[in-house]
C-alpha cells in the first residue's frame, strides 16, 4: 500500500494536470474580441504556464529532465491532435512551439535557478520533491 500511495503522490498531479489540459482544450473557443491582450497574450501565457507546469510535474515524478521534456512534448502534440476534432478549435504548430517554450523555461528554472535559490525556497522545493 505504501508504494501505491507514493506512486499516487508523485504521478497524481501529472494525471490531474493532463486531464485539466485535455478538458480545457475540449471547450468551445470564443471568437476573437479584437483586444490583443485577450486574443494573443492571454492564450500564449496560458500555454506557457500549462506546459511549464506539466513539465515540472513530470520531472517531480520521474526525476529525469530529458524524459520529462519528451513526455510533455508528446502530450502537447497529442493535445493539438485532440483539438483538431473539437468544433471551433484547430491544431496549431504555433501552440506547440509556445508549449515547448514553456517547458524550456521551466527546465532552465529547475536546472539553473533552483539550485542557486535562497535556502528557504530550496527547502520548499525539496518538500515538493522537485530537487
C-alpha atoms as a PDB file:
ATOM      1  CA  UNK A   1       0.000   0.000   0.000  1.00  0.00           C
ATOM      2  CA  UNK A   2       2.852   2.361   0.764  1.00  0.00           C
ATOM      3  CA  UNK A   3       4.195   2.024  -2.789  1.00  0.00           C
ATOM      4  CA  UNK A   4       0.776   2.820  -4.286  1.00  0.00           C
ATOM      5  CA  UNK A   5       0.483   5.879  -2.071  1.00  0.00           C
ATOM      6  CA  UNK A   6       3.904   7.144  -3.183  1.00  0.00           C
ATOM      7  CA  UNK A   7       3.015   6.477  -6.823  1.00  0.00           C
ATOM      8  CA  UNK A   8      -0.208   8.454  -6.414  1.00  0.00           C
ATOM      9  CA  UNK A   9       1.661  11.255  -4.617  1.00  0.00           C
ATOM     10  CA  UNK A  10       4.200  11.553  -7.426  1.00  0.00           C
ATOM     11  CA  UNK A  11       2.104  10.851 -10.539  1.00  0.00           C
ATOM     12  CA  UNK A  12      -1.290  12.103  -9.337  1.00  0.00           C
ATOM     13  CA  UNK A  13      -0.504  15.739 -10.177  1.00  0.00           C
ATOM     14  CA  UNK A  14       0.665  14.691 -13.662  1.00  0.00           C
ATOM     15  CA  UNK A  15      -2.592  12.860 -14.329  1.00  0.00           C
ATOM     16  CA  UNK A  16      -4.757  15.638 -12.876  1.00  0.00           C
ATOM     17  CA  UNK A  17      -2.916  18.403 -14.748  1.00  0.00           C
ATOM     18  CA  UNK A  18      -3.012  16.442 -18.019  1.00  0.00           C
ATOM     19  CA  UNK A  19      -6.727  15.920 -17.515  1.00  0.00           C
ATOM     20  CA  UNK A  20      -7.258  19.626 -16.916  1.00  0.00           C
ATOM     21  CA  UNK A  21      -5.344  20.484 -20.100  1.00  0.00           C
ATOM     22  CA  UNK A  22      -7.435  17.932 -22.024  1.00  0.00           C
ATOM     23  CA  UNK A  23     -10.657  19.351 -20.596  1.00  0.00           C
ATOM     24  CA  UNK A  24      -9.718  22.962 -21.353  1.00  0.00           C
ATOM     25  CA  UNK A  25      -8.771  22.095 -24.913  1.00  0.00           C
ATOM     26  CA  UNK A  26     -12.200  20.458 -25.320  1.00  0.00           C
ATOM     27  CA  UNK A  27     -14.028  23.696 -24.584  1.00  0.00           C
ATOM     28  CA  UNK A  28     -15.575  25.993 -27.140  1.00  0.00           C
ATOM     29  CA  UNK A  29     -13.140  28.582 -28.467  1.00  0.00           C
ATOM     30  CA  UNK A  30     -14.695  32.044 -28.259  1.00  0.00           C
ATOM     31  CA  UNK A  31     -14.489  34.320 -31.305  1.00  0.00           C
ATOM     32  CA  UNK A  32     -11.744  36.982 -31.352  1.00  0.00           C
ATOM     33  CA  UNK A  33     -12.540  40.089 -29.317  1.00  0.00           C
ATOM     34  CA  UNK A  34     -10.279  42.462 -31.183  1.00  0.00           C
ATOM     35  CA  UNK A  35      -8.341  43.044 -27.965  1.00  0.00           C
ATOM     36  CA  UNK A  36      -4.747  41.781 -28.393  1.00  0.00           C
ATOM     37  CA  UNK A  37      -4.467  41.076 -24.658  1.00  0.00           C
ATOM     38  CA  UNK A  38      -7.332  38.572 -24.711  1.00  0.00           C
ATOM     39  CA  UNK A  39      -6.750  37.279 -28.244  1.00  0.00           C
ATOM     40  CA  UNK A  40      -2.972  36.719 -28.159  1.00  0.00           C
ATOM     41  CA  UNK A  41      -1.236  37.495 -24.870  1.00  0.00           C
ATOM     42  CA  UNK A  42      -3.522  35.515 -22.532  1.00  0.00           C
ATOM     43  CA  UNK A  43      -3.600  32.347 -24.690  1.00  0.00           C
ATOM     44  CA  UNK A  44       0.189  32.426 -25.103  1.00  0.00           C
ATOM     45  CA  UNK A  45       0.662  32.936 -21.364  1.00  0.00           C
ATOM     46  CA  UNK A  46      -1.784  30.097 -20.660  1.00  0.00           C
ATOM     47  CA  UNK A  47       0.182  27.722 -22.918  1.00  0.00           C
ATOM     48  CA  UNK A  48       3.487  28.718 -21.284  1.00  0.00           C
ATOM     49  CA  UNK A  49       2.116  28.044 -17.806  1.00  0.00           C
ATOM     50  CA  UNK A  50       0.174  24.869 -18.715  1.00  0.00           C
ATOM     51  CA  UNK A  51       3.107  23.101 -20.274  1.00  0.00           C
ATOM     52  CA  UNK A  52       5.760  24.549 -17.990  1.00  0.00           C
ATOM     53  CA  UNK A  53       3.838  23.090 -15.052  1.00  0.00           C
ATOM     54  CA  UNK A  54       3.241  19.800 -16.856  1.00  0.00           C
ATOM     55  CA  UNK A  55       6.995  19.510 -17.384  1.00  0.00           C
ATOM     56  CA  UNK A  56       7.642  20.293 -13.685  1.00  0.00           C
ATOM     57  CA  UNK A  57       5.061  17.745 -12.527  1.00  0.00           C
ATOM     58  CA  UNK A  58       6.523  15.014 -14.761  1.00  0.00           C
ATOM     59  CA  UNK A  59      10.035  15.901 -13.600  1.00  0.00           C
ATOM     60  CA  UNK A  60       8.891  15.797  -9.976  1.00  0.00           C
ATOM     61  CA  UNK A  61       7.551  12.277 -10.538  1.00  0.00           C
ATOM     62  CA  UNK A  62      10.365  10.877 -12.680  1.00  0.00           C
ATOM     63  CA  UNK A  63      13.463  12.912 -11.698  1.00  0.00           C
ATOM     64  CA  UNK A  64      14.560  12.697 -15.339  1.00  0.00           C
ATOM     65  CA  UNK A  65      14.801  16.013 -17.184  1.00  0.00           C
ATOM     66  CA  UNK A  66      15.025  14.713 -20.739  1.00  0.00           C
ATOM     67  CA  UNK A  67      12.259  12.140 -20.202  1.00  0.00           C
ATOM     68  CA  UNK A  68      10.050  14.872 -18.714  1.00  0.00           C
ATOM     69  CA  UNK A  69      10.711  17.103 -21.689  1.00  0.00           C
ATOM     70  CA  UNK A  70       9.915  14.358 -24.218  1.00  0.00           C
ATOM     71  CA  UNK A  71       6.761  13.259 -22.412  1.00  0.00           C
ATOM     72  CA  UNK A  72       5.477  16.838 -22.186  1.00  0.00           C
ATOM     73  CA  UNK A  73       6.219  17.407 -25.898  1.00  0.00           C
ATOM     74  CA  UNK A  74       4.378  14.200 -26.761  1.00  0.00           C
ATOM     75  CA  UNK A  75       1.405  15.415 -24.728  1.00  0.00           C
ATOM     76  CA  UNK A  76       1.494  18.815 -26.477  1.00  0.00           C
ATOM     77  CA  UNK A  77       1.316  17.097 -29.880  1.00  0.00           C
ATOM     78  CA  UNK A  78      -1.450  14.767 -28.739  1.00  0.00           C
ATOM     79  CA  UNK A  79      -3.416  17.699 -27.321  1.00  0.00           C
ATOM     80  CA  UNK A  80      -3.187  19.607 -30.592  1.00  0.00           C
ATOM     81  CA  UNK A  81      -4.307  16.463 -32.424  1.00  0.00           C
ATOM     82  CA  UNK A  82      -7.233  16.218 -29.986  1.00  0.00           C
ATOM     83  CA  UNK A  83      -8.141  19.868 -30.672  1.00  0.00           C
ATOM     84  CA  UNK A  84      -8.356  19.160 -34.387  1.00  0.00           C
ATOM     85  CA  UNK A  85     -11.543  17.186 -33.619  1.00  0.00           C
ATOM     86  CA  UNK A  86     -13.128  19.833 -31.387  1.00  0.00           C
ATOM     87  CA  UNK A  87     -15.572  22.203 -33.134  1.00  0.00           C
ATOM     88  CA  UNK A  88     -14.293  25.836 -33.110  1.00  0.00           C
ATOM     89  CA  UNK A  89     -10.765  24.590 -32.293  1.00  0.00           C
ATOM     90  CA  UNK A  90      -7.857  23.712 -34.558  1.00  0.00           C
ATOM     91  CA  UNK A  91      -4.439  22.125 -34.262  1.00  0.00           C
ATOM     92  CA  UNK A  92      -1.672  24.705 -34.291  1.00  0.00           C
ATOM     93  CA  UNK A  93       2.080  24.333 -34.674  1.00  0.00           C
ATOM     94  CA  UNK A  94       2.407  27.796 -33.072  1.00  0.00           C
ATOM     95  CA  UNK A  95       0.736  26.457 -29.924  1.00  0.00           C
ATOM     96  CA  UNK A  96       3.182  23.552 -29.793  1.00  0.00           C
ATOM     97  CA  UNK A  97       6.104  25.957 -30.118  1.00  0.00           C
ATOM     98  CA  UNK A  98       4.737  28.036 -27.235  1.00  0.00           C
ATOM     99  CA  UNK A  99       4.236  24.839 -25.207  1.00  0.00           C
ATOM    100  CA  UNK A 100       7.857  23.855 -25.817  1.00  0.00           C
ATOM    101  CA  UNK A 101       8.996  27.349 -24.823  1.00  0.00           C
ATOM    102  CA  UNK A 102       7.100  26.945 -21.537  1.00  0.00           C
ATOM    103  CA  UNK A 103       8.871  23.618 -20.967  1.00  0.00           C
ATOM    104  CA  UNK A 104      12.271  25.113 -21.759  1.00  0.00           C
ATOM    105  CA  UNK A 105      11.679  27.996 -19.347  1.00  0.00           C
ATOM    106  CA  UNK A 106      10.663  25.510 -16.644  1.00  0.00           C
ATOM    107  CA  UNK A 107      13.724  23.357 -17.434  1.00  0.00           C
ATOM    108  CA  UNK A 108      16.037  26.370 -17.122  1.00  0.00           C
ATOM    109  CA  UNK A 109      14.389  27.287 -13.845  1.00  0.00           C
ATOM    110  CA  UNK A 110      14.886  23.782 -12.432  1.00  0.00           C
ATOM    111  CA  UNK A 111      18.391  23.329 -13.785  1.00  0.00           C
ATOM    112  CA  UNK A 112      19.959  26.762 -13.354  1.00  0.00           C
ATOM    113  CA  UNK A 113      17.957  28.859 -10.917  1.00  0.00           C
ATOM    114  CA  UNK A 114      16.546  26.459  -8.333  1.00  0.00           C
ATOM    115  CA  UNK A 115      19.927  25.163  -7.097  1.00  0.00           C
ATOM    116  CA  UNK A 116      21.024  28.779  -6.542  1.00  0.00           C
ATOM    117  CA  UNK A 117      17.787  29.778  -4.829  1.00  0.00           C
ATOM    118  CA  UNK A 118      17.762  31.027  -1.246  1.00  0.00           C
ATOM    119  CA  UNK A 119      17.716  28.270   1.367  1.00  0.00           C
ATOM    120  CA  UNK A 120      14.060  28.808   2.253  1.00  0.00           C
ATOM    121  CA  UNK A 121      12.994  28.345  -1.372  1.00  0.00           C
ATOM    122  CA  UNK A 122      15.293  25.321  -1.716  1.00  0.00           C
ATOM    123  CA  UNK A 123      13.707  23.701   1.350  1.00  0.00           C
ATOM    124  CA  UNK A 124      10.260  24.309  -0.142  1.00  0.00           C
ATOM    125  CA  UNK A 125      11.376  22.706  -3.416  1.00  0.00           C
ATOM    126  CA  UNK A 126      12.737  19.685  -1.530  1.00  0.00           C
ATOM    127  CA  UNK A 127       9.422  19.297   0.323  1.00  0.00           C
ATOM    128  CA  UNK A 128       7.647  19.212  -3.039  1.00  0.00           C
ATOM    129  CA  UNK A 129      10.215  16.647  -4.241  1.00  0.00           C
ATOM    130  CA  UNK A 130      11.481  18.927  -7.001  1.00  0.00           C
ATOM    131  CA  UNK A 131      15.139  18.565  -6.002  1.00  0.00           C
END
